[in-house]
C-alpha atoms as a PDB file:
ATOM      1  CA  MET A   1       0.077  -0.343   0.010  1.00  0.00           C
ATOM      2  CA  PRO A   2       1.350   3.286  -0.844  1.00  0.00           C
ATOM      3  CA  ARG A   3       2.694   5.555   1.939  1.00  0.00           C
ATOM      4  CA  ARG A   4       0.598   7.822   3.757  1.00  0.00           C
ATOM      5  CA  SER A   5       2.062  11.378   2.926  1.00  0.00           C
ATOM      6  CA  LEU A   6       0.238  14.806   4.516  1.00  0.00           C
ATOM      7  CA  ALA A   7      -1.098  15.781   0.796  1.00  0.00           C
ATOM      8  CA  ARG A   8      -2.543  11.708   0.526  1.00  0.00           C
ATOM      9  CA  VAL A   9      -4.407  12.077   3.191  1.00  0.00           C
ATOM     10  CA  ALA A  10      -5.432  16.081   3.120  1.00  0.00           C
ATOM     11  CA  SER A  11      -6.366  14.473  -0.745  1.00  0.00           C
ATOM     12  CA  GLY A  12      -8.484  11.729   0.963  1.00  0.00           C
ATOM     13  CA  LEU A  13     -10.195  14.090   3.278  1.00  0.00           C
ATOM     14  CA  VAL A  14     -11.346  16.167   0.534  1.00  0.00           C
ATOM     15  CA  ARG A  15     -12.626  13.219  -1.442  1.00  0.00           C
ATOM     16  CA  ILE A  16     -14.191  11.465   1.393  1.00  0.00           C
ATOM     17  CA  VAL A  17     -16.631  14.216   2.332  1.00  0.00           C
ATOM     18  CA  ARG A  18     -17.381  14.290  -1.805  1.00  0.00           C
ATOM     19  CA  PRO A  19     -17.633  18.613  -1.581  1.00  0.00           C
ATOM     20  CA  LEU A  20     -20.014  19.204  -4.943  1.00  0.00           C
ATOM     21  CA  ASN A  21     -22.446  16.650  -3.166  1.00  0.00           C
ATOM     22  CA  SER A  22     -22.471  18.596  -0.009  1.00  0.00           C
ATOM     23  CA  LEU A  23     -21.805  22.191  -1.346  1.00  0.00           C
ATOM     24  CA  MET A  24     -25.379  21.813  -3.070  1.00  0.00           C
ATOM     25  CA  VAL A  25     -26.998  20.389   0.131  1.00  0.00           C
ATOM     26  CA  GLY A  26     -25.927  23.665   1.982  1.00  0.00           C
ATOM     27  CA  ALA A  27     -26.928  25.732  -1.136  1.00  0.00           C
ATOM     28  CA  ALA A  28     -30.394  23.950  -1.231  1.00  0.00           C
ATOM     29  CA  THR A  29     -30.932  25.064   2.292  1.00  0.00           C
ATOM     30  CA  VAL A  30     -29.877  28.782   1.923  1.00  0.00           C
ATOM     31  CA  VAL A  31     -31.965  28.942  -1.419  1.00  0.00           C
ATOM     32  CA  GLY A  32     -34.870  27.001   0.702  1.00  0.00           C
ATOM     33  CA  MET A  33     -34.971  30.195   3.175  1.00  0.00           C
ATOM     34  CA  LEU A  34     -34.702  32.206  -0.118  1.00  0.00           C
ATOM     35  CA  ILE A  35     -37.573  30.986  -1.838  1.00  0.00           C
ATOM     36  CA  ALA A  36     -39.544  31.230   1.826  1.00  0.00           C
ATOM     37  CA  THR A  37     -39.208  34.858   2.530  1.00  0.00           C
ATOM     38  CA  GLY A  38     -39.886  35.748  -1.438  1.00  0.00           C
ATOM     39  CA  GLY A  39     -36.379  37.371  -1.781  1.00  0.00           C
ATOM     40  CA  ARG A  40     -36.873  39.499   1.008  1.00  0.00           C
ATOM     41  CA  LEU A  41     -33.569  39.762   2.382  1.00  0.00           C
ATOM     42  CA  GLU A  42     -34.407  41.688   5.511  1.00  0.00           C
ATOM     43  CA  LEU A  43     -36.379  38.708   6.393  1.00  0.00           C
ATOM     44  CA  LEU A  44     -33.687  36.421   6.397  1.00  0.00           C
ATOM     45  CA  ARG A  45     -30.827  37.097   8.984  1.00  0.00           C
ATOM     46  CA  PRO A  46     -27.189  36.334   7.503  1.00  0.00           C
ATOM     47  CA  ASN A  47     -26.065  34.127  11.182  1.00  0.00           C
ATOM     48  CA  VAL A  48     -29.317  32.224  10.080  1.00  0.00           C
ATOM     49  CA  ALA A  49     -28.426  31.783   6.631  1.00  0.00           C
ATOM     50  CA  LEU A  50     -24.484  30.766   7.763  1.00  0.00           C
ATOM     51  CA  LEU A  51     -25.560  28.547  10.416  1.00  0.00           C
ATOM     52  CA  GLY A  52     -28.437  26.661   7.513  1.00  0.00           C
ATOM     53  CA  PHE A  53     -25.371  26.259   5.177  1.00  0.00           C
ATOM     54  CA  ILE A  54     -22.507  24.823   7.898  1.00  0.00           C
ATOM     55  CA  ALA A  55     -25.815  22.524   8.950  1.00  0.00           C
ATOM     56  CA  GLY A  56     -26.695  21.243   5.580  1.00  0.00           C
ATOM     57  CA  PHE A  57     -22.756  20.909   4.430  1.00  0.00           C
ATOM     58  CA  THR A  58     -21.464  19.065   7.170  1.00  0.00           C
ATOM     59  CA  LEU A  59     -24.527  16.508   7.705  1.00  0.00           C
ATOM     60  CA  SER A  60     -24.044  15.776   4.212  1.00  0.00           C
ATOM     61  CA  ALA A  61     -20.641  15.283   4.466  1.00  0.00           C
ATOM     62  CA  ALA A  62     -20.868  12.886   7.153  1.00  0.00           C
ATOM     63  CA  ALA A  63     -23.434  11.100   5.756  1.00  0.00           C
ATOM     64  CA  MET A  64     -20.805  10.648   2.651  1.00  0.00           C
ATOM     65  CA  VAL A  65     -18.299   9.482   5.191  1.00  0.00           C
ATOM     66  CA  VAL A  66     -20.262   7.366   6.990  1.00  0.00           C
ATOM     67  CA  ASN A  67     -21.521   5.492   3.988  1.00  0.00           C
ATOM     68  CA  ASP A  68     -17.632   5.224   2.571  1.00  0.00           C
ATOM     69  CA  TYR A  69     -16.602   3.551   6.022  1.00  0.00           C
ATOM     70  CA  TYR A  70     -19.796   0.823   5.941  1.00  0.00           C
ATOM     71  CA  ASP A  71     -19.058   0.576   1.975  1.00  0.00           C
ATOM     72  CA  ARG A  72     -14.850  -0.070   2.157  1.00  0.00           C
ATOM     73  CA  GLU A  73     -15.375  -3.747   1.875  1.00  0.00           C
ATOM     74  CA  VAL A  74     -17.615  -3.617  -1.246  1.00  0.00           C
ATOM     75  CA  ASP A  75     -15.610  -0.515  -2.729  1.00  0.00           C
ATOM     76  CA  LEU A  76     -12.675  -2.931  -2.741  1.00  0.00           C
ATOM     77  CA  ILE A  77     -14.402  -4.169  -5.867  1.00  0.00           C
ATOM     78  CA  ASN A  78     -16.493  -0.970  -7.077  1.00  0.00           C
ATOM     79  CA  ASP A  79     -13.866   1.342  -6.513  1.00  0.00           C
ATOM     80  CA  PRO A  80     -10.570   0.638  -5.396  1.00  0.00           C
ATOM     81  CA  ALA A  81      -9.243   4.241  -5.513  1.00  0.00           C
ATOM     82  CA  ARG A  82     -11.541   5.687  -2.615  1.00  0.00           C
ATOM     83  CA  PRO A  83     -10.492   7.088   0.095  1.00  0.00           C
ATOM     84  CA  ILE A  84     -10.768   4.316   2.623  1.00  0.00           C
ATOM     85  CA  PRO A  85      -9.817   1.082   0.315  1.00  0.00           C
ATOM     86  CA  SER A  86      -6.959   2.883  -1.201  1.00  0.00           C
ATOM     87  CA  GLY A  87      -5.288   3.336   2.338  1.00  0.00           C
ATOM     88  CA  ALA A  88      -5.663   7.243   2.468  1.00  0.00           C
ATOM     89  CA  ILE A  89      -7.824   7.509   5.016  1.00  0.00           C
ATOM     90  CA  LYS A  90      -7.783   4.582   7.765  1.00  0.00           C
ATOM     91  CA  PRO A  91     -11.545   3.688   9.042  1.00  0.00           C
ATOM     92  CA  GLY A  92     -11.075   4.519  12.566  1.00  0.00           C
ATOM     93  CA  GLU A  93     -10.216   8.462  10.993  1.00  0.00           C
ATOM     94  CA  ALA A  94     -13.211   8.075   9.063  1.00  0.00           C
ATOM     95  CA  VAL A  95     -15.462   7.421  12.188  1.00  0.00           C
ATOM     96  CA  ALA A  96     -13.896   9.967  13.988  1.00  0.00           C
ATOM     97  CA  LEU A  97     -14.270  12.665  11.053  1.00  0.00           C
ATOM     98  CA  ALA A  98     -18.257  11.738  10.751  1.00  0.00           C
ATOM     99  CA  VAL A  99     -18.680  12.346  14.112  1.00  0.00           C
ATOM    100  CA  LEU A 100     -17.117  15.725  14.166  1.00  0.00           C
ATOM    101  CA  LEU A 101     -19.082  16.645  10.857  1.00  0.00           C
ATOM    102  CA  ALA A 102     -22.236  15.551  12.533  1.00  0.00           C
ATOM    103  CA  ALA A 103     -21.684  17.098  15.501  1.00  0.00           C
ATOM    104  CA  LEU A 104     -21.409  20.506  13.955  1.00  0.00           C
ATOM    105  CA  GLY A 105     -24.223  19.880  11.787  1.00  0.00           C
ATOM    106  CA  LEU A 106     -26.259  19.373  14.897  1.00  0.00           C
ATOM    107  CA  ALA A 107     -24.686  21.748  16.683  1.00  0.00           C
ATOM    108  CA  ALA A 108     -25.904  25.018  14.087  1.00  0.00           C
ATOM    109  CA  SER A 109     -29.251  23.782  13.540  1.00  0.00           C
ATOM    110  CA  ALA A 110     -29.451  23.782  17.452  1.00  0.00           C
ATOM    111  CA  ARG A 111     -28.747  27.901  17.089  1.00  0.00           C
ATOM    112  CA  VAL A 112     -31.284  27.946  13.851  1.00  0.00           C
ATOM    113  CA  GLY A 113     -33.841  26.617  16.075  1.00  0.00           C
ATOM    114  CA  LEU A 114     -35.583  23.385  17.594  1.00  0.00           C
ATOM    115  CA  GLU A 115     -37.914  22.572  14.587  1.00  0.00           C
ATOM    116  CA  CYS A 116     -34.589  22.293  12.390  1.00  0.00           C
ATOM    117  CA  LEU A 117     -32.768  20.818  14.988  1.00  0.00           C
ATOM    118  CA  ALA A 118     -35.281  17.683  15.076  1.00  0.00           C
ATOM    119  CA  LEU A 119     -35.362  17.889  11.015  1.00  0.00           C
ATOM    120  CA  ALA A 120     -31.327  17.471  11.561  1.00  0.00           C
ATOM    121  CA  GLY A 121     -31.962  14.617  13.478  1.00  0.00           C
ATOM    122  CA  LEU A 122     -34.352  12.897  11.118  1.00  0.00           C
ATOM    123  CA  ALA A 123     -31.882  13.368   8.641  1.00  0.00           C
ATOM    124  CA  ALA A 124     -29.034  11.855  10.390  1.00  0.00           C
ATOM    125  CA  ALA A 125     -31.014   9.098  11.427  1.00  0.00           C
ATOM    126  CA  VAL A 126     -31.845   8.614   8.204  1.00  0.00           C
ATOM    127  CA  ALA A 127     -28.487   8.350   6.961  1.00  0.00           C
ATOM    128  CA  ALA A 128     -26.966   6.228   9.210  1.00  0.00           C
ATOM    129  CA  GLY A 129     -29.786   4.058   8.918  1.00  0.00           C
ATOM    130  CA  TYR A 130     -29.180   3.358   5.291  1.00  0.00           C
ATOM    131  CA  ALA A 131     -25.436   2.954   5.352  1.00  0.00           C
ATOM    132  CA  THR A 132     -25.866   0.805   8.529  1.00  0.00           C
ATOM    133  CA  ALA A 133     -29.117  -1.020   7.267  1.00  0.00           C
ATOM    134  CA  PHE A 134     -30.846  -0.371   4.507  1.00  0.00           C
ATOM    135  CA  LYS A 135     -28.784   0.386   1.371  1.00  0.00           C
ATOM    136  CA  ALA A 136     -28.995  -3.515   0.635  1.00  0.00           C
ATOM    137  CA  LYS A 137     -32.699  -3.242   0.310  1.00  0.00           C
ATOM    138  CA  GLY A 138     -32.641  -1.553  -2.759  1.00  0.00           C
ATOM    139  CA  LEU A 139     -35.119   0.889  -3.958  1.00  0.00           C
ATOM    140  CA  LEU A 140     -35.907   1.183  -0.241  1.00  0.00           C
ATOM    141  CA  GLY A 141     -32.247   2.634   0.412  1.00  0.00           C
ATOM    142  CA  ASN A 142     -32.396   4.732  -2.810  1.00  0.00           C
ATOM    143  CA  ALA A 143     -35.536   6.835  -1.513  1.00  0.00           C
ATOM    144  CA  MET A 144     -34.030   7.189   1.972  1.00  0.00           C
ATOM    145  CA  VAL A 145     -30.900   8.754   0.290  1.00  0.00           C
ATOM    146  CA  SER A 146     -33.351  11.030  -1.531  1.00  0.00           C
ATOM    147  CA  PHE A 147     -35.543  11.676   1.186  1.00  0.00           C
ATOM    148  CA  CYS A 148     -32.229  13.408   2.542  1.00  0.00           C
ATOM    149  CA  VAL A 149     -31.600  15.405  -0.556  1.00  0.00           C
ATOM    150  CA  ALA A 150     -34.591  16.648  -0.801  1.00  0.00           C
ATOM    151  CA  LEU A 151     -34.882  17.949   2.815  1.00  0.00           C
ATOM    152  CA  PRO A 152     -32.914  21.011   2.898  1.00  0.00           C
ATOM    153  CA  PHE A 153     -35.931  23.016   1.091  1.00  0.00           C
ATOM    154  CA  ILE A 154     -37.837  21.791   3.856  1.00  0.00           C
ATOM    155  CA  TYR A 155     -35.473  22.997   6.367  1.00  0.00           C
ATOM    156  CA  GLY A 156     -34.762  26.363   4.668  1.00  0.00           C
ATOM    157  CA  GLY A 157     -38.737  27.026   5.247  1.00  0.00           C
ATOM    158  CA  LEU A 158     -38.731  26.024   8.563  1.00  0.00           C
ATOM    159  CA  ALA A 159     -35.275  28.468   9.391  1.00  0.00           C
ATOM    160  CA  VAL A 160     -37.487  31.324   8.541  1.00  0.00           C
ATOM    161  CA  GLY A 161     -40.540  29.926  10.154  1.00  0.00           C
ATOM    162  CA  SER A 162     -42.326  29.686   6.108  1.00  0.00           C
ATOM    163  CA  LEU A 163     -42.946  26.961   5.115  1.00  0.00           C
ATOM    164  CA  ASP A 164     -45.181  27.228   1.671  1.00  0.00           C
ATOM    165  CA  ALA A 165     -46.234  24.517  -1.418  1.00  0.00           C
ATOM    166  CA  ARG A 166     -43.637  25.951  -3.678  1.00  0.00           C
ATOM    167  CA  LEU A 167     -40.753  24.451  -1.596  1.00  0.00           C
ATOM    168  CA  LEU A 168     -42.422  20.784  -1.470  1.00  0.00           C
ATOM    169  CA  VAL A 169     -42.911  21.087  -5.140  1.00  0.00           C
ATOM    170  CA  PHE A 170     -39.033  21.598  -5.475  1.00  0.00           C
ATOM    171  CA  ALA A 171     -38.493  18.941  -3.103  1.00  0.00           C
ATOM    172  CA  SER A 172     -40.518  16.489  -4.966  1.00  0.00           C
ATOM    173  CA  ILE A 173     -38.354  17.085  -7.834  1.00  0.00           C
ATOM    174  CA  ALA A 174     -35.142  16.943  -6.199  1.00  0.00           C
ATOM    175  CA  PHE A 175     -36.477  13.686  -4.689  1.00  0.00           C
ATOM    176  CA  LEU A 176     -37.346  12.122  -7.804  1.00  0.00           C
ATOM    177  CA  ALA A 177     -33.884  13.405  -9.888  1.00  0.00           C
ATOM    178  CA  ASN A 178     -32.083  11.968  -7.358  1.00  0.00           C
ATOM    179  CA  MET A 179     -33.970   8.605  -7.494  1.00  0.00           C
ATOM    180  CA  GLY A 180     -32.887   8.399 -10.833  1.00  0.00           C
ATOM    181  CA  ARG A 181     -29.395   8.912 -10.074  1.00  0.00           C
ATOM    182  CA  GLU A 182     -29.402   6.271  -7.353  1.00  0.00           C
ATOM    183  CA  VAL A 183     -30.646   3.718  -9.311  1.00  0.00           C
ATOM    184  CA  ALA A 184     -28.480   4.569 -12.150  1.00  0.00           C
ATOM    185  CA  LYS A 185     -25.681   4.371  -9.566  1.00  0.00           C
ATOM    186  CA  GLY A 186     -26.502   0.986  -9.286  1.00  0.00           C
ATOM    187  CA  ILE A 187     -25.269   0.062 -12.526  1.00  0.00           C
ATOM    188  CA  VAL A 188     -22.251   1.302 -11.842  1.00  0.00           C
ATOM    189  CA  ASP A 189     -21.698  -0.683  -8.688  1.00  0.00           C
ATOM    190  CA  VAL A 190     -23.529  -3.797  -9.626  1.00  0.00           C
ATOM    191  CA  ALA A 191     -20.116  -5.958  -9.233  1.00  0.00           C
ATOM    192  CA  GLY A 192     -19.499  -5.389  -6.051  1.00  0.00           C
ATOM    193  CA  ASP A 193     -23.380  -4.909  -5.188  1.00  0.00           C
ATOM    194  CA  SER A 194     -23.975  -8.261  -6.418  1.00  0.00           C
ATOM    195  CA  ALA A 195     -20.964  -9.870  -4.660  1.00  0.00           C
ATOM    196  CA  MET A 196     -21.874  -8.035  -1.378  1.00  0.00           C
ATOM    197  CA  GLY A 197     -26.277  -8.884  -1.688  1.00  0.00           C
ATOM    198  CA  VAL A 198     -26.946  -5.370  -2.091  1.00  0.00           C
ATOM    199  CA  ARG A 199     -30.280  -5.825  -3.500  1.00  0.00           C
ATOM    200  CA  THR A 200     -30.242  -3.051  -6.148  1.00  0.00           C
ATOM    201  CA  VAL A 201     -32.317  -2.810  -8.999  1.00  0.00           C
ATOM    202  CA  ALA A 202     -29.105  -3.068 -11.531  1.00  0.00           C
ATOM    203  CA  ALA A 203     -28.218  -6.202  -9.124  1.00  0.00           C
ATOM    204  CA  ILE A 204     -31.342  -8.256  -8.923  1.00  0.00           C
ATOM    205  CA  TYR A 205     -33.208  -7.231 -12.116  1.00  0.00           C
ATOM    206  CA  GLY A 206     -30.222  -6.255 -14.547  1.00  0.00           C
ATOM    207  CA  ARG A 207     -28.430  -3.139 -16.257  1.00  0.00           C
ATOM    208  CA  HIS A 208     -31.353  -2.951 -18.358  1.00  0.00           C
ATOM    209  CA  ALA A 209     -33.834  -2.924 -15.972  1.00  0.00           C
ATOM    210  CA  ALA A 210     -32.533  -0.108 -13.955  1.00  0.00           C
ATOM    211  CA  ALA A 211     -31.945   2.142 -16.848  1.00  0.00           C
ATOM    212  CA  ARG A 212     -35.828   2.048 -17.984  1.00  0.00           C
ATOM    213  CA  LEU A 213     -36.582   3.208 -14.470  1.00  0.00           C
ATOM    214  CA  ALA A 214     -33.728   5.342 -13.715  1.00  0.00           C
ATOM    215  CA  SER A 215     -35.012   7.179 -17.155  1.00  0.00           C
ATOM    216  CA  THR A 216     -38.992   6.565 -16.023  1.00  0.00           C
ATOM    217  CA  LEU A 217     -37.320   8.687 -12.983  1.00  0.00           C
ATOM    218  CA  PHE A 218     -35.654  11.347 -14.525  1.00  0.00           C
ATOM    219  CA  LEU A 219     -38.671  11.767 -17.061  1.00  0.00           C
ATOM    220  CA  ALA A 220     -40.987  12.511 -14.168  1.00  0.00           C
ATOM    221  CA  ALA A 221     -39.017  15.080 -12.648  1.00  0.00           C
ATOM    222  CA  VAL A 222     -38.952  16.749 -15.824  1.00  0.00           C
ATOM    223  CA  MET A 223     -42.786  16.673 -16.197  1.00  0.00           C
ATOM    224  CA  LEU A 224     -43.091  18.064 -12.725  1.00  0.00           C
ATOM    225  CA  SER A 225     -41.047  20.392 -13.307  1.00  0.00           C
ATOM    226  CA  ALA A 226     -43.782  22.195 -15.360  1.00  0.00           C
ATOM    227  CA  ALA A 227     -45.703  22.626 -12.131  1.00  0.00           C
ATOM    228  CA  PRO A 228     -44.226  25.506 -10.410  1.00  0.00           C
ATOM    229  CA  TRP A 229     -45.013  27.465 -13.546  1.00  0.00           C
ATOM    230  CA  LEU A 230     -48.505  25.940 -14.294  1.00  0.00           C
ATOM    231  CA  LEU A 231     -49.339  26.839 -10.979  1.00  0.00           C
ATOM    232  CA  GLY A 232     -47.713  30.198 -10.561  1.00  0.00           C
ATOM    233  CA  TYR A 233     -45.098  29.988  -8.240  1.00  0.00           C
ATOM    234  CA  VAL A 234     -42.522  31.267 -10.246  1.00  0.00           C
ATOM    235  CA  GLY A 235     -41.792  33.774 -13.083  1.00  0.00           C
ATOM    236  CA  PHE A 236     -40.426  33.857 -16.188  1.00  0.00           C
ATOM    237  CA  CYS A 237     -36.927  33.597 -15.246  1.00  0.00           C
ATOM    238  CA  TYR A 238     -37.646  29.640 -13.982  1.00  0.00           C
ATOM    239  CA  LEU A 239     -38.200  28.759 -17.461  1.00  0.00           C
ATOM    240  CA  PRO A 240     -34.940  28.709 -19.524  1.00  0.00           C
ATOM    241  CA  LEU A 241     -33.032  27.534 -16.726  1.00  0.00           C
ATOM    242  CA  VAL A 242     -35.387  24.775 -16.334  1.00  0.00           C
ATOM    243  CA  ALA A 243     -35.432  24.185 -19.735  1.00  0.00           C
ATOM    244  CA  ILE A 244     -31.510  23.571 -19.555  1.00  0.00           C
ATOM    245  CA  CYS A 245     -32.182  21.196 -16.933  1.00  0.00           C
ATOM    246  CA  ASP A 246     -34.929  19.137 -18.420  1.00  0.00           C
ATOM    247  CA  ALA A 247     -32.969  18.640 -21.747  1.00  0.00           C
ATOM    248  CA  GLY A 248     -29.594  17.584 -20.062  1.00  0.00           C
ATOM    249  CA  LEU A 249     -32.218  15.078 -17.758  1.00  0.00           C
ATOM    250  CA  ILE A 250     -33.617  13.937 -21.519  1.00  0.00           C
ATOM    251  CA  ARG A 251     -30.152  13.683 -22.892  1.00  0.00           C
ATOM    252  CA  SER A 252     -29.021  11.745 -19.772  1.00  0.00           C
ATOM    253  CA  SER A 253     -31.878   9.293 -19.857  1.00  0.00           C
ATOM    254  CA  LEU A 254     -31.703   8.822 -23.660  1.00  0.00           C
ATOM    255  CA  SER A 255     -27.764   7.991 -23.332  1.00  0.00           C
ATOM    256  CA  LEU A 256     -28.450   5.499 -20.766  1.00  0.00           C
ATOM    257  CA  LEU A 257     -31.570   3.596 -22.621  1.00  0.00           C
ATOM    258  CA  ARG A 258     -28.990   3.136 -25.317  1.00  0.00           C
ATOM    259  CA  SER A 259     -26.526   1.557 -23.569  1.00  0.00           C
ATOM    260  CA  PRO A 260     -26.953   1.169 -19.877  1.00  0.00           C
ATOM    261  CA  SER A 261     -22.899   0.529 -19.489  1.00  0.00           C
ATOM    262  CA  ARG A 262     -21.076   0.510 -16.082  1.00  0.00           C
ATOM    263  CA  GLU A 263     -19.239   3.658 -18.513  1.00  0.00           C
ATOM    264  CA  VAL A 264     -22.418   5.550 -19.797  1.00  0.00           C
ATOM    265  CA  ALA A 265     -24.061   5.004 -16.331  1.00  0.00           C
ATOM    266  CA  ARG A 266     -20.942   6.769 -14.282  1.00  0.00           C
ATOM    267  CA  ARG A 267     -21.293   9.519 -16.741  1.00  0.00           C
ATOM    268  CA  VAL A 268     -24.652   9.787 -16.364  1.00  0.00           C
ATOM    269  CA  LYS A 269     -24.481  10.054 -12.568  1.00  0.00           C
ATOM    270  CA  GLY A 270     -21.916  12.781 -12.554  1.00  0.00           C
ATOM    271  CA  GLU A 271     -24.252  14.548 -15.337  1.00  0.00           C
ATOM    272  CA  VAL A 272     -27.479  14.574 -13.568  1.00  0.00           C
ATOM    273  CA  LEU A 273     -25.574  16.587 -10.528  1.00  0.00           C
ATOM    274  CA  VAL A 274     -24.992  19.205 -13.013  1.00  0.00           C
ATOM    275  CA  TRP A 275     -28.640  19.407 -14.361  1.00  0.00           C
ATOM    276  CA  MET A 276     -29.536  18.895 -10.432  1.00  0.00           C
ATOM    277  CA  LEU A 277     -27.119  22.516  -9.722  1.00  0.00           C
ATOM    278  CA  ILE A 278     -29.133  24.293 -12.896  1.00  0.00           C
ATOM    279  CA  GLY A 279     -32.337  23.205 -11.746  1.00  0.00           C
ATOM    280  CA  LEU A 280     -31.654  24.589  -8.239  1.00  0.00           C
ATOM    281  CA  ALA A 281     -30.603  27.821  -9.858  1.00  0.00           C
ATOM    282  CA  ALA A 282     -33.594  27.787 -11.565  1.00  0.00           C
ATOM    283  CA  PHE A 283     -35.767  27.546  -8.315  1.00  0.00           C
ATOM    284  CA  LEU A 284     -34.369  30.723  -7.338  1.00  0.00           C
ATOM    285  CA  SER A 285     -34.084  32.683 -10.219  1.00  0.00           C
ATOM    286  CA  GLY A 286     -38.015  31.819 -11.210  1.00  0.00           C
ATOM    287  CA  SER A 287     -38.685  32.235  -7.394  1.00  0.00           C
ATOM    288  CA  LEU A 288     -36.835  35.910  -6.946  1.00  0.00           C
ATOM    289  CA  LEU A 289     -36.001  37.691 -10.011  1.00  0.00           C
ATOM    290  CA  CYS A 290     -39.073  37.457 -12.524  1.00  0.00           C
END
């Protein structure tokens, strides 16, 4: 095993928290706050926005670390370059990091308010339950992850005391898009998942079935994305960005249906993160700008 230099450990620590994913969760929390206040910045205290971002980022990062800790055996097959199987991070170090990150996230949530602390505790419990027991359950595990991805919008509304229907619709779109991504990820990890008894759609029913289900979920997110405009929840500025997001999801769906290979599924997994980021920008611009 390669020697553990300081640079290698630092790189492993960055990679294990999946910074892009965690930044998106933190950002979604603040977007939820901004949408709930209708863009009236005087109603959003800067310290609450900062604490919400910290809570979203650290709790997401903690969930990523816990997931990698429990996946360390299957990652020897699926992705041996991950920080723990590659030796960049020791398992005990991952546990300590996860505890620290979760504590920071819960402490930040406590400062925001009791409702946000309760929601953060629920998210942490769901993430821990997924990693320790429910990941092997296939679609149930996928739904647990996607539930946690959708929660930041709800958290943002609770943080400013205004949980409205727009946030529930946006959370539902995020849930569907991430469900599709989770099912597609099962194609990437099918070898290790099959060996370890993880019952993903790809492992049980095959890559083509997983591609069809993932694409169906992506297209459901696309169809639901029309609802905010049709219901008058957003302005015109929503349309250009959501059109890019929807076109991207359709493109990724077609790619996956044409060739549900490990390589294509890995690419789609990355693409969907980009489409979701653009969707997040659409939610924000349509709610605040015009």
